Amino acid sequence: MAETGLVFDDTYLDHLEGLSGHPDSPDRLRWIGKGLKDSGLIEQLKMIAPRAATPAELTLAHERDYLELVDREAAGLEGFAELSTGDTVVSSRSLAVARLATGGVLAVADGVMQGEVANAFCAVRPPGHHATASRAMGFCIFNHVAVAARYLQRHHGLDRVLIVDWDYHHGNGTQDIFYDDGSVFYFSTHHYGAYPGTGAAGDTGAGDGEGTTMNVPLPVGATDEQLLAALRDRLVPAATGFRPDFILISSGFDAQQRDLLGRFDVTPGGFAAATRILTGLAVKLCAGRIVSVLEGGYRLDGLSACVVAHAGALLDAAVPAH
């Protein structure tokens, strides 16, 4: 029977970004775990154990000099420090946790490709979509979806990967990594003008990647229908033409109502409907192969409800991968 996979590990709680009160706190995963348990979904999902991403795997999307910098500045750290690339705080366990987060996504990608699960959700932290090839940004150290896209191409022989990013904030790192690469299509809805100030509608790729970046900025207060319209009217035709072999979602739930760092108005039902659009695309275009990776989402009760709705829709859509 086809199943939906879940990566969820207590080690992800060990990444700390300073004293209490930081938005990306371990409580985010505690609330997600509680929501999945209370809803009964946890018993229906197939747990997949994460592993640490290797340096060679991380260099699929990151420059070696950057990895050496993170090693120097984060390994063996006592207390907290901001990486010299700017605005990303790490602690003694952050590097190991970030490697396990990326590796967790790769383990799930393997599981989907091998038919162990039909699709999956990765409840990992720290998030990743702001990390560029050479810089940590926001709360992100390694770009999990970018590494996963390259891993799917290099280790599983796939030609084309679609990345859909519905975080309130634009995934500048993911866009930068693939901006001139026509084999990875990056689609993003976000609030243009919010951190990090990137993601203009006119940014569509360059060189071989011209036309394989699509930014759809949404206004403050964007609703379920505005998000769904962007997916139906802009993503679906573009994805159908691109014909991906695999879909990755940067699932930022800070587009939820009353998020601490977002100003959209998307409900749990809206995320469930958005998930159904993407799983429908996956079934039509790539044998149902779709993996979702947690990014933002900082109002804890809302984050929990949104993840439950999202995971439930993934479970409903699970079909045999082969």
C-alpha atoms as a PDB file:
ATOM      1  CA  MET A   1       0.000   0.000   0.000  1.00  0.00           C
ATOM      2  CA  ALA A   2       1.322   3.439  -0.898  1.00  0.00           C
ATOM      3  CA  GLU A   3       2.275   5.589   2.049  1.00  0.00           C
ATOM      4  CA  THR A   4       3.256   9.141   2.926  1.00  0.00           C
ATOM      5  CA  GLY A   5       6.633   9.463   4.590  1.00  0.00           C
ATOM      6  CA  LEU A   6       7.567  11.714   7.492  1.00  0.00           C
ATOM      7  CA  VAL A   7      10.972  12.921   8.634  1.00  0.00           C
ATOM      8  CA  PHE A   8      10.734  14.080  12.240  1.00  0.00           C
ATOM      9  CA  ASP A   9      13.597  13.726  14.701  1.00  0.00           C
ATOM     10  CA  ASP A  10      14.236  15.083  18.202  1.00  0.00           C
ATOM     11  CA  THR A  11      17.743  16.081  17.121  1.00  0.00           C
ATOM     12  CA  TYR A  12      16.197  18.974  15.197  1.00  0.00           C
ATOM     13  CA  LEU A  13      15.297  20.509  18.560  1.00  0.00           C
ATOM     14  CA  ASP A  14      19.002  20.950  19.375  1.00  0.00           C
ATOM     15  CA  HIS A  15      19.533  23.886  17.005  1.00  0.00           C
ATOM     16  CA  LEU A  16      19.287  27.094  19.025  1.00  0.00           C
ATOM     17  CA  GLU A  17      19.535  30.680  17.779  1.00  0.00           C
ATOM     18  CA  GLY A  18      20.145  32.628  20.948  1.00  0.00           C
ATOM     19  CA  LEU A  19      18.100  33.099  24.050  1.00  0.00           C
ATOM     20  CA  SER A  20      14.380  32.372  24.281  1.00  0.00           C
ATOM     21  CA  GLY A  21      12.083  34.365  22.048  1.00  0.00           C
ATOM     22  CA  HIS A  22      13.706  33.669  18.674  1.00  0.00           C
ATOM     23  CA  PRO A  23      10.970  32.952  16.078  1.00  0.00           C
ATOM     24  CA  ASP A  24      12.644  29.758  14.832  1.00  0.00           C
ATOM     25  CA  SER A  25      12.531  27.994  18.178  1.00  0.00           C
ATOM     26  CA  PRO A  26      12.431  24.238  18.838  1.00  0.00           C
ATOM     27  CA  ASP A  27       8.822  24.761  19.920  1.00  0.00           C
ATOM     28  CA  ARG A  28       7.883  24.888  16.246  1.00  0.00           C
ATOM     29  CA  LEU A  29       8.575  21.179  15.914  1.00  0.00           C
ATOM     30  CA  ARG A  30       7.063  20.373  19.298  1.00  0.00           C
ATOM     31  CA  TRP A  31       3.784  21.929  18.158  1.00  0.00           C
ATOM     32  CA  ILE A  32       3.952  20.131  14.813  1.00  0.00           C
ATOM     33  CA  GLY A  33       4.520  16.827  16.595  1.00  0.00           C
ATOM     34  CA  LYS A  34       1.612  17.466  18.944  1.00  0.00           C
ATOM     35  CA  GLY A  35      -0.677  18.343  16.048  1.00  0.00           C
ATOM     36  CA  LEU A  36       0.204  15.218  14.103  1.00  0.00           C
ATOM     37  CA  LYS A  37      -0.290  13.092  17.215  1.00  0.00           C
ATOM     38  CA  ASP A  38      -3.560  14.675  18.315  1.00  0.00           C
ATOM     39  CA  SER A  39      -4.995  14.389  14.790  1.00  0.00           C
ATOM     40  CA  GLY A  40      -4.081  10.712  14.544  1.00  0.00           C
ATOM     41  CA  LEU A  41      -1.988  11.349  11.436  1.00  0.00           C
ATOM     42  CA  ILE A  42       1.263  10.332  13.095  1.00  0.00           C
ATOM     43  CA  GLU A  43       0.080   6.711  13.112  1.00  0.00           C
ATOM     44  CA  GLN A  44      -0.723   6.822   9.401  1.00  0.00           C
ATOM     45  CA  LEU A  45       2.591   8.265   8.247  1.00  0.00           C
ATOM     46  CA  LYS A  46       5.700   6.178   7.635  1.00  0.00           C
ATOM     47  CA  MET A  47       8.621   7.460   9.685  1.00  0.00           C
ATOM     48  CA  ILE A  48      11.859   7.764   7.724  1.00  0.00           C
ATOM     49  CA  ALA A  49      15.065   8.125   9.730  1.00  0.00           C
ATOM     50  CA  PRO A  50      17.252  11.054   8.685  1.00  0.00           C
ATOM     51  CA  ARG A  51      20.961  10.825   8.056  1.00  0.00           C
ATOM     52  CA  ALA A  52      23.643  13.481   7.936  1.00  0.00           C
ATOM     53  CA  ALA A  53      24.345  14.945   4.513  1.00  0.00           C
ATOM     54  CA  THR A  54      27.945  14.418   3.486  1.00  0.00           C
ATOM     55  CA  PRO A  55      30.263  17.279   2.461  1.00  0.00           C
ATOM     56  CA  ALA A  56      30.164  15.966  -1.118  1.00  0.00           C
ATOM     57  CA  GLU A  57      26.356  16.115  -1.093  1.00  0.00           C
ATOM     58  CA  LEU A  58      26.323  19.647   0.320  1.00  0.00           C
ATOM     59  CA  THR A  59      28.686  20.797  -2.440  1.00  0.00           C
ATOM     60  CA  LEU A  60      26.015  19.867  -4.966  1.00  0.00           C
ATOM     61  CA  ALA A  61      24.493  23.274  -4.149  1.00  0.00           C
ATOM     62  CA  HIS A  62      27.066  25.054  -1.959  1.00  0.00           C
ATOM     63  CA  GLU A  63      30.590  26.283  -2.589  1.00  0.00           C
ATOM     64  CA  ARG A  64      33.339  24.381  -0.795  1.00  0.00           C
ATOM     65  CA  ASP A  65      34.759  27.627   0.650  1.00  0.00           C
ATOM     66  CA  TYR A  66      31.399  28.338   2.276  1.00  0.00           C
ATOM     67  CA  LEU A  67      31.230  24.876   3.837  1.00  0.00           C
ATOM     68  CA  GLU A  68      34.738  25.352   5.225  1.00  0.00           C
ATOM     69  CA  LEU A  69      33.699  28.727   6.662  1.00  0.00           C
ATOM     70  CA  VAL A  70      30.691  27.194   8.422  1.00  0.00           C
ATOM     71  CA  ASP A  71      32.894  24.404   9.763  1.00  0.00           C
ATOM     72  CA  ARG A  72      35.387  26.908  11.198  1.00  0.00           C
ATOM     73  CA  GLU A  73      32.826  29.206  12.759  1.00  0.00           C
ATOM     74  CA  ALA A  74      30.182  26.753  14.019  1.00  0.00           C
ATOM     75  CA  ALA A  75      32.059  23.576  14.938  1.00  0.00           C
ATOM     76  CA  GLY A  76      32.880  23.433  18.636  1.00  0.00           C
ATOM     77  CA  LEU A  77      31.177  26.745  19.301  1.00  0.00           C
ATOM     78  CA  GLU A  78      30.362  27.585  22.904  1.00  0.00           C
ATOM     79  CA  GLY A  79      27.264  29.703  23.312  1.00  0.00           C
ATOM     80  CA  PHE A  80      25.894  31.581  20.290  1.00  0.00           C
ATOM     81  CA  ALA A  81      27.479  33.425  17.382  1.00  0.00           C
ATOM     82  CA  GLU A  82      26.423  35.058  14.142  1.00  0.00           C
ATOM     83  CA  LEU A  83      28.070  33.566  11.077  1.00  0.00           C
ATOM     84  CA  SER A  84      30.370  36.042   9.328  1.00  0.00           C
ATOM     85  CA  THR A  85      28.197  35.856   6.212  1.00  0.00           C
ATOM     86  CA  GLY A  86      25.649  37.809   8.263  1.00  0.00           C
ATOM     87  CA  ASP A  87      22.271  37.556  10.034  1.00  0.00           C
ATOM     88  CA  THR A  88      22.292  33.815  10.827  1.00  0.00           C
ATOM     89  CA  VAL A  89      22.847  32.828  14.465  1.00  0.00           C
ATOM     90  CA  VAL A  90      24.203  29.387  15.324  1.00  0.00           C
ATOM     91  CA  SER A  91      25.050  27.450  18.458  1.00  0.00           C
ATOM     92  CA  SER A  92      27.181  24.426  19.328  1.00  0.00           C
ATOM     93  CA  ARG A  93      24.827  21.856  17.768  1.00  0.00           C
ATOM     94  CA  SER A  94      23.636  23.879  14.781  1.00  0.00           C
ATOM     95  CA  LEU A  95      26.048  22.495  12.198  1.00  0.00           C
ATOM     96  CA  ALA A  96      25.268  18.862  13.017  1.00  0.00           C
ATOM     97  CA  VAL A  97      21.542  19.578  13.044  1.00  0.00           C
ATOM     98  CA  ALA A  98      21.658  21.411   9.705  1.00  0.00           C
ATOM     99  CA  ARG A  99      23.500  18.485   8.108  1.00  0.00           C
ATOM    100  CA  LEU A 100      20.883  16.115   9.502  1.00  0.00           C
ATOM    101  CA  ALA A 101      18.118  18.343   8.132  1.00  0.00           C
ATOM    102  CA  THR A 102      19.532  18.261   4.603  1.00  0.00           C
ATOM    103  CA  GLY A 103      20.266  14.555   4.902  1.00  0.00           C
ATOM    104  CA  GLY A 104      16.729  13.911   6.085  1.00  0.00           C
ATOM    105  CA  VAL A 105      15.393  15.381   2.857  1.00  0.00           C
ATOM    106  CA  LEU A 106      17.824  13.247   0.836  1.00  0.00           C
ATOM    107  CA  ALA A 107      16.744  10.114   2.724  1.00  0.00           C
ATOM    108  CA  VAL A 108      13.131  10.852   1.843  1.00  0.00           C
ATOM    109  CA  ALA A 109      14.049  11.525  -1.784  1.00  0.00           C
ATOM    110  CA  ASP A 110      15.641   8.086  -1.867  1.00  0.00           C
ATOM    111  CA  GLY A 111      12.518   6.603  -0.290  1.00  0.00           C
ATOM    112  CA  VAL A 112      10.255   8.091  -2.928  1.00  0.00           C
ATOM    113  CA  MET A 113      12.535   7.088  -5.799  1.00  0.00           C
ATOM    114  CA  GLN A 114      12.805   3.532  -4.474  1.00  0.00           C
ATOM    115  CA  GLY A 115       9.033   3.227  -4.008  1.00  0.00           C
ATOM    116  CA  GLU A 116       9.240   2.973  -0.213  1.00  0.00           C
ATOM    117  CA  VAL A 117       6.780   5.876   0.061  1.00  0.00           C
ATOM    118  CA  ALA A 118       4.694   7.732  -2.502  1.00  0.00           C
ATOM    119  CA  ASN A 119       5.354  11.226  -1.157  1.00  0.00           C
ATOM    120  CA  ALA A 120       6.590  12.804   2.074  1.00  0.00           C
ATOM    121  CA  PHE A 121       6.774  15.750   4.461  1.00  0.00           C
ATOM    122  CA  CYS A 122      10.053  16.720   6.126  1.00  0.00           C
ATOM    123  CA  ALA A 123       9.608  18.480   9.486  1.00  0.00           C
ATOM    124  CA  VAL A 124      13.194  19.722   9.642  1.00  0.00           C
ATOM    125  CA  ARG A 125      14.988  22.757  10.976  1.00  0.00           C
ATOM    126  CA  PRO A 126      16.795  25.039  10.519  1.00  0.00           C
ATOM    127  CA  PRO A 127      14.988  26.066   7.311  1.00  0.00           C
ATOM    128  CA  GLY A 128      16.934  26.431   4.096  1.00  0.00           C
ATOM    129  CA  HIS A 129      15.536  28.476   1.218  1.00  0.00           C
ATOM    130  CA  HIS A 130      17.421  31.727   1.974  1.00  0.00           C
ATOM    131  CA  ALA A 131      20.843  30.018   1.952  1.00  0.00           C
ATOM    132  CA  THR A 132      22.746  30.756  -1.254  1.00  0.00           C
ATOM    133  CA  ALA A 133      25.646  28.795  -2.658  1.00  0.00           C
ATOM    134  CA  SER A 134      28.066  30.914  -0.634  1.00  0.00           C
ATOM    135  CA  ARG A 135      26.110  32.507   2.203  1.00  0.00           C
ATOM    136  CA  ALA A 136      23.868  31.743   5.159  1.00  0.00           C
ATOM    137  CA  MET A 137      20.902  34.091   5.325  1.00  0.00           C
ATOM    138  CA  GLY A 138      17.830  34.515   7.465  1.00  0.00           C
ATOM    139  CA  PHE A 139      17.550  31.436   9.650  1.00  0.00           C
ATOM    140  CA  CYS A 140      19.084  29.198   6.958  1.00  0.00           C
ATOM    141  CA  ILE A 141      22.481  27.457   6.853  1.00  0.00           C
ATOM    142  CA  PHE A 142      22.117  24.853   4.078  1.00  0.00           C
ATOM    143  CA  ASN A 143      19.562  24.961   1.271  1.00  0.00           C
ATOM    144  CA  HIS A 144      17.836  21.594   1.657  1.00  0.00           C
ATOM    145  CA  VAL A 145      15.639  21.723  -1.448  1.00  0.00           C
ATOM    146  CA  ALA A 146      18.500  22.912  -3.650  1.00  0.00           C
ATOM    147  CA  VAL A 147      20.758  20.082  -2.520  1.00  0.00           C
ATOM    148  CA  ALA A 148      17.866  17.632  -2.967  1.00  0.00           C
ATOM    149  CA  ALA A 149      17.179  18.824  -6.519  1.00  0.00           C
ATOM    150  CA  ARG A 150      20.812  18.307  -7.512  1.00  0.00           C
ATOM    151  CA  TYR A 151      20.915  14.969  -5.653  1.00  0.00           C
ATOM    152  CA  LEU A 152      17.897  13.708  -7.571  1.00  0.00           C
ATOM    153  CA  GLN A 153      19.590  14.652 -10.824  1.00  0.00           C
ATOM    154  CA  ARG A 154      23.068  13.329 -10.019  1.00  0.00           C
ATOM    155  CA  HIS A 155      22.224  10.204  -8.004  1.00  0.00           C
ATOM    156  CA  HIS A 156      18.869   9.187  -9.481  1.00  0.00           C
ATOM    157  CA  GLY A 157      19.376  10.335 -13.069  1.00  0.00           C
ATOM    158  CA  LEU A 158      16.383  12.696 -13.234  1.00  0.00           C
ATOM    159  CA  ASP A 159      16.422  15.423 -15.855  1.00  0.00           C
ATOM    160  CA  ARG A 160      14.031  18.089 -14.568  1.00  0.00           C
ATOM    161  CA  VAL A 161      12.981  19.121 -11.056  1.00  0.00           C
ATOM    162  CA  LEU A 162      10.255  21.595 -10.115  1.00  0.00           C
ATOM    163  CA  ILE A 163      10.583  23.561  -6.860  1.00  0.00           C
ATOM    164  CA  VAL A 164       7.440  25.294  -5.561  1.00  0.00           C
ATOM    165  CA  ASP A 165       7.964  27.796  -2.728  1.00  0.00           C
ATOM    166  CA  TRP A 166       4.879  29.191  -0.970  1.00  0.00           C
ATOM    167  CA  ASP A 167       6.682  30.753   1.994  1.00  0.00           C
ATOM    168  CA  TYR A 168       5.684  34.339   2.823  1.00  0.00           C
ATOM    169  CA  HIS A 169       9.329  35.292   2.186  1.00  0.00           C
ATOM    170  CA  HIS A 170      10.991  34.838  -1.188  1.00  0.00           C
ATOM    171  CA  GLY A 171      13.477  31.949  -1.420  1.00  0.00           C
ATOM    172  CA  ASN A 172      16.311  34.052  -2.752  1.00  0.00           C
ATOM    173  CA  GLY A 173      18.899  31.332  -2.183  1.00  0.00           C
ATOM    174  CA  THR A 174      17.033  28.744  -4.222  1.00  0.00           C
ATOM    175  CA  GLN A 175      16.427  31.226  -7.025  1.00  0.00           C
ATOM    176  CA  ASP A 176      20.089  32.254  -7.110  1.00  0.00           C
ATOM    177  CA  ILE A 177      21.381  28.682  -7.236  1.00  0.00           C
ATOM    178  CA  PHE A 178      19.238  27.756 -10.247  1.00  0.00           C
ATOM    179  CA  TYR A 179      18.761  31.118 -11.974  1.00  0.00           C
ATOM    180  CA  ASP A 180      20.769  30.161 -15.059  1.00  0.00           C
ATOM    181  CA  ASP A 181      19.885  26.449 -15.008  1.00  0.00           C
ATOM    182  CA  GLY A 182      17.062  25.328 -17.267  1.00  0.00           C
ATOM    183  CA  SER A 183      16.828  21.887 -15.661  1.00  0.00           C
ATOM    184  CA  VAL A 184      15.307  23.201 -12.404  1.00  0.00           C
ATOM    185  CA  PHE A 185      12.137  25.306 -12.478  1.00  0.00           C
ATOM    186  CA  TYR A 186      11.704  27.605  -9.466  1.00  0.00           C
ATOM    187  CA  PHE A 187       8.194  28.941  -8.760  1.00  0.00           C
ATOM    188  CA  SER A 188       7.492  31.250  -5.818  1.00  0.00           C
ATOM    189  CA  THR A 189       4.568  33.077  -4.263  1.00  0.00           C
ATOM    190  CA  HIS A 190       5.633  35.589  -1.619  1.00  0.00           C
ATOM    191  CA  HIS A 191       5.322  39.173  -0.414  1.00  0.00           C
ATOM    192  CA  TYR A 192       7.677  41.215  -2.563  1.00  0.00           C
ATOM    193  CA  GLY A 193       9.241  43.841  -0.289  1.00  0.00           C
ATOM    194  CA  ALA A 194       9.455  41.617   2.764  1.00  0.00           C
ATOM    195  CA  TYR A 195      12.794  40.062   3.730  1.00  0.00           C
ATOM    196  CA  PRO A 196      15.043  39.546   1.796  1.00  0.00           C
ATOM    197  CA  GLY A 197      13.661  42.049  -0.737  1.00  0.00           C
ATOM    198  CA  THR A 198      13.996  39.784  -3.770  1.00  0.00           C
ATOM    199  CA  GLY A 199      11.554  38.000  -6.068  1.00  0.00           C
ATOM    200  CA  ALA A 200      10.385  40.596  -8.556  1.00  0.00           C
ATOM    201  CA  ALA A 201       7.896  39.372 -11.142  1.00  0.00           C
ATOM    202  CA  GLY A 202      10.351  40.355 -13.856  1.00  0.00           C
ATOM    203  CA  ASP A 203      13.014  37.952 -12.574  1.00  0.00           C
ATOM    204  CA  THR A 204      12.532  34.996 -14.922  1.00  0.00           C
ATOM    205  CA  GLY A 205      15.985  33.411 -15.173  1.00  0.00           C
ATOM    206  CA  ALA A 206      19.049  33.999 -17.308  1.00  0.00           C
ATOM    207  CA  GLY A 207      20.997  32.159 -19.988  1.00  0.00           C
ATOM    208  CA  ASP A 208      19.995  28.509 -20.128  1.00  0.00           C
ATOM    209  CA  GLY A 209      17.593  29.215 -17.256  1.00  0.00           C
ATOM    210  CA  GLU A 210      15.616  31.952 -19.008  1.00  0.00           C
ATOM    211  CA  GLY A 211      11.937  31.217 -18.407  1.00  0.00           C
ATOM    212  CA  THR A 212      12.471  28.664 -15.637  1.00  0.00           C
ATOM    213  CA  THR A 213      12.091  31.114 -12.753  1.00  0.00           C
ATOM    214  CA  MET A 214       8.571  32.363 -12.064  1.00  0.00           C
ATOM    215  CA  ASN A 215       7.846  34.809  -9.251  1.00  0.00           C
ATOM    216  CA  VAL A 216       4.241  35.634  -8.404  1.00  0.00           C
ATOM    217  CA  PRO A 217       4.271  38.337  -5.706  1.00  0.00           C
ATOM    218  CA  LEU A 218       1.057  38.558  -3.693  1.00  0.00           C
ATOM    219  CA  PRO A 219      -0.254  41.604  -1.787  1.00  0.00           C
ATOM    220  CA  VAL A 220      -0.435  42.063   1.958  1.00  0.00           C
ATOM    221  CA  GLY A 221      -3.478  40.166   3.232  1.00  0.00           C
ATOM    222  CA  ALA A 222      -3.371  37.601   0.424  1.00  0.00           C
ATOM    223  CA  THR A 223      -6.101  35.007   0.917  1.00  0.00           C
ATOM    224  CA  ASP A 224      -6.573  31.332   0.141  1.00  0.00           C
ATOM    225  CA  GLU A 225      -8.117  32.182  -3.215  1.00  0.00           C
ATOM    226  CA  GLN A 226      -5.225  34.427  -4.249  1.00  0.00           C
ATOM    227  CA  LEU A 227      -2.702  31.711  -3.446  1.00  0.00           C
ATOM    228  CA  LEU A 228      -4.771  29.058  -5.217  1.00  0.00           C
ATOM    229  CA  ALA A 229      -5.294  31.288  -8.257  1.00  0.00           C
ATOM    230  CA  ALA A 230      -1.520  31.764  -8.554  1.00  0.00           C
ATOM    231  CA  LEU A 231      -1.037  28.017  -8.492  1.00  0.00           C
ATOM    232  CA  ARG A 232      -3.882  27.216 -10.895  1.00  0.00           C
ATOM    233  CA  ASP A 233      -3.349  30.034 -13.368  1.00  0.00           C
ATOM    234  CA  ARG A 234       0.437  30.429 -13.366  1.00  0.00           C
ATOM    235  CA  LEU A 235       2.060  27.286 -11.972  1.00  0.00           C
ATOM    236  CA  VAL A 236      -0.077  24.574 -13.555  1.00  0.00           C
ATOM    237  CA  PRO A 237       0.427  25.694 -17.176  1.00  0.00           C
ATOM    238  CA  ALA A 238       4.141  26.340 -16.605  1.00  0.00           C
ATOM    239  CA  ALA A 239       4.692  22.995 -14.891  1.00  0.00           C
ATOM    240  CA  THR A 240       2.743  21.151 -17.567  1.00  0.00           C
ATOM    241  CA  GLY A 241       5.033  22.621 -20.202  1.00  0.00           C
ATOM    242  CA  PHE A 242       8.171  21.942 -18.156  1.00  0.00           C
ATOM    243  CA  ARG A 243       7.182  18.339 -17.361  1.00  0.00           C
ATOM    244  CA  PRO A 244       9.221  17.743 -14.185  1.00  0.00           C
ATOM    245  CA  ASP A 245      10.393  14.322 -13.077  1.00  0.00           C
ATOM    246  CA  PHE A 246      10.006  15.286  -9.400  1.00  0.00           C
ATOM    247  CA  ILE A 247       8.390  18.095  -7.380  1.00  0.00           C
ATOM    248  CA  LEU A 248       9.883  19.643  -4.233  1.00  0.00           C
ATOM    249  CA  ILE A 249       7.896  22.060  -2.055  1.00  0.00           C
ATOM    250  CA  SER A 250       9.474  24.718   0.131  1.00  0.00           C
ATOM    251  CA  SER A 251       6.575  24.677   2.588  1.00  0.00           C
ATOM    252  CA  GLY A 252       6.677  27.960   4.448  1.00  0.00           C
ATOM    253  CA  PHE A 253       3.617  28.290   6.638  1.00  0.00           C
ATOM    254  CA  ASP A 254       4.364  31.911   7.584  1.00  0.00           C
ATOM    255  CA  ALA A 255       1.828  32.749   4.875  1.00  0.00           C
ATOM    256  CA  GLN A 256      -0.756  31.672   7.468  1.00  0.00           C
ATOM    257  CA  GLN A 257      -3.189  34.015   9.175  1.00  0.00           C
ATOM    258  CA  ARG A 258      -1.636  36.189  11.910  1.00  0.00           C
ATOM    259  CA  ASP A 259       1.850  34.769  11.556  1.00  0.00           C
ATOM    260  CA  LEU A 260       4.489  36.505  13.661  1.00  0.00           C
ATOM    261  CA  LEU A 261       6.639  37.282  10.604  1.00  0.00           C
ATOM    262  CA  GLY A 262       4.079  37.308   7.786  1.00  0.00           C
ATOM    263  CA  ARG A 263       1.144  39.415   6.646  1.00  0.00           C
ATOM    264  CA  PHE A 264      -0.854  36.992   4.498  1.00  0.00           C
ATOM    265  CA  ASP A 265      -4.197  35.413   5.407  1.00  0.00           C
ATOM    266  CA  VAL A 266      -3.947  31.800   4.235  1.00  0.00           C
ATOM    267  CA  THR A 267      -5.879  29.235   6.280  1.00  0.00           C
ATOM    268  CA  PRO A 268      -5.135  25.562   6.956  1.00  0.00           C
ATOM    269  CA  GLY A 269      -7.832  24.747   4.413  1.00  0.00           C
ATOM    270  CA  GLY A 270      -6.047  26.928   1.891  1.00  0.00           C
ATOM    271  CA  PHE A 271      -2.814  25.018   2.378  1.00  0.00           C
ATOM    272  CA  ALA A 272      -4.696  21.728   2.012  1.00  0.00           C
ATOM    273  CA  ALA A 273      -6.216  22.921  -1.267  1.00  0.00           C
ATOM    274  CA  ALA A 274      -2.816  24.156  -2.474  1.00  0.00           C
ATOM    275  CA  THR A 275      -1.352  20.753  -1.626  1.00  0.00           C
ATOM    276  CA  ARG A 276      -4.056  19.033  -3.661  1.00  0.00           C
ATOM    277  CA  ILE A 277      -3.167  21.164  -6.690  1.00  0.00           C
ATOM    278  CA  LEU A 278       0.478  20.141  -6.405  1.00  0.00           C
ATOM    279  CA  THR A 279      -0.208  16.473  -5.748  1.00  0.00           C
ATOM    280  CA  GLY A 280      -2.523  16.482  -8.746  1.00  0.00           C
ATOM    281  CA  LEU A 281       0.326  17.854 -10.848  1.00  0.00           C
ATOM    282  CA  ALA A 282       2.673  15.231  -9.435  1.00  0.00           C
ATOM    283  CA  VAL A 283       0.310  12.380 -10.289  1.00  0.00           C
ATOM    284  CA  LYS A 284      -0.190  13.753 -13.800  1.00  0.00           C
ATOM    285  CA  LEU A 285       3.443  14.597 -14.554  1.00  0.00           C
ATOM    286  CA  CYS A 286       5.843  12.555 -12.419  1.00  0.00           C
ATOM    287  CA  ALA A 287       4.239   9.392 -11.001  1.00  0.00           C
ATOM    288  CA  GLY A 288       3.127  11.226  -7.853  1.00  0.00           C
ATOM    289  CA  ARG A 289       6.704  11.964  -6.749  1.00  0.00           C
ATOM    290  CA  ILE A 290       6.544  14.960  -4.426  1.00  0.00           C
ATOM    291  CA  VAL A 291       8.443  15.863  -1.239  1.00  0.00           C
ATOM    292  CA  SER A 292       7.578  18.807   1.000  1.00  0.00           C
ATOM    293  CA  VAL A 293      10.174  20.492   3.229  1.00  0.00           C
ATOM    294  CA  LEU A 294       9.335  22.781   6.158  1.00  0.00           C
ATOM    295  CA  GLU A 295      10.519  26.373   5.821  1.00  0.00           C
ATOM    296  CA  GLY A 296       8.873  29.191   7.826  1.00  0.00           C
ATOM    297  CA  GLY A 297       5.787  29.398  10.042  1.00  0.00           C
ATOM    298  CA  TYR A 298       5.954  31.067  13.433  1.00  0.00           C
ATOM    299  CA  ARG A 299       2.499  31.288  15.040  1.00  0.00           C
ATOM    300  CA  LEU A 300       2.705  27.954  16.765  1.00  0.00           C
ATOM    301  CA  ASP A 301      -0.927  26.879  16.954  1.00  0.00           C
ATOM    302  CA  GLY A 302      -1.506  27.939  13.355  1.00  0.00           C
ATOM    303  CA  LEU A 303       1.671  26.212  12.202  1.00  0.00           C
ATOM    304  CA  SER A 304       0.469  22.981  13.776  1.00  0.00           C
ATOM    305  CA  ALA A 305      -2.949  23.236  12.125  1.00  0.00           C
ATOM    306  CA  CYS A 306      -1.452  24.065   8.727  1.00  0.00           C
ATOM    307  CA  VAL A 307       0.977  21.133   8.832  1.00  0.00           C
ATOM    308  CA  VAL A 308      -1.827  18.756   9.811  1.00  0.00           C
ATOM    309  CA  ALA A 309      -3.910  19.971   6.858  1.00  0.00           C
ATOM    310  CA  HIS A 310      -0.927  19.732   4.503  1.00  0.00           C
ATOM    311  CA  ALA A 311       0.154  16.274   5.660  1.00  0.00           C
ATOM    312  CA  GLY A 312      -3.426  15.023   5.467  1.00  0.00           C
ATOM    313  CA  ALA A 313      -3.665  16.143   1.855  1.00  0.00           C
ATOM    314  CA  LEU A 314      -0.372  14.430   1.032  1.00  0.00           C
ATOM    315  CA  LEU A 315      -1.671  11.251   2.649  1.00  0.00           C
ATOM    316  CA  ASP A 316      -4.910  11.423   0.685  1.00  0.00           C
ATOM    317  CA  ALA A 317      -2.933  11.726  -2.540  1.00  0.00           C
ATOM    318  CA  ALA A 318      -0.496   8.879  -1.909  1.00  0.00           C
ATOM    319  CA  VAL A 319      -0.384   6.633  -4.953  1.00  0.00           C
ATOM    320  CA  PRO A 320       2.053   3.902  -5.975  1.00  0.00           C
ATOM    321  CA  ALA A 321       5.261   5.631  -7.064  1.00  0.00           C
ATOM    322  CA  HIS A 322       6.097   2.965  -9.656  1.00  0.00           C
END
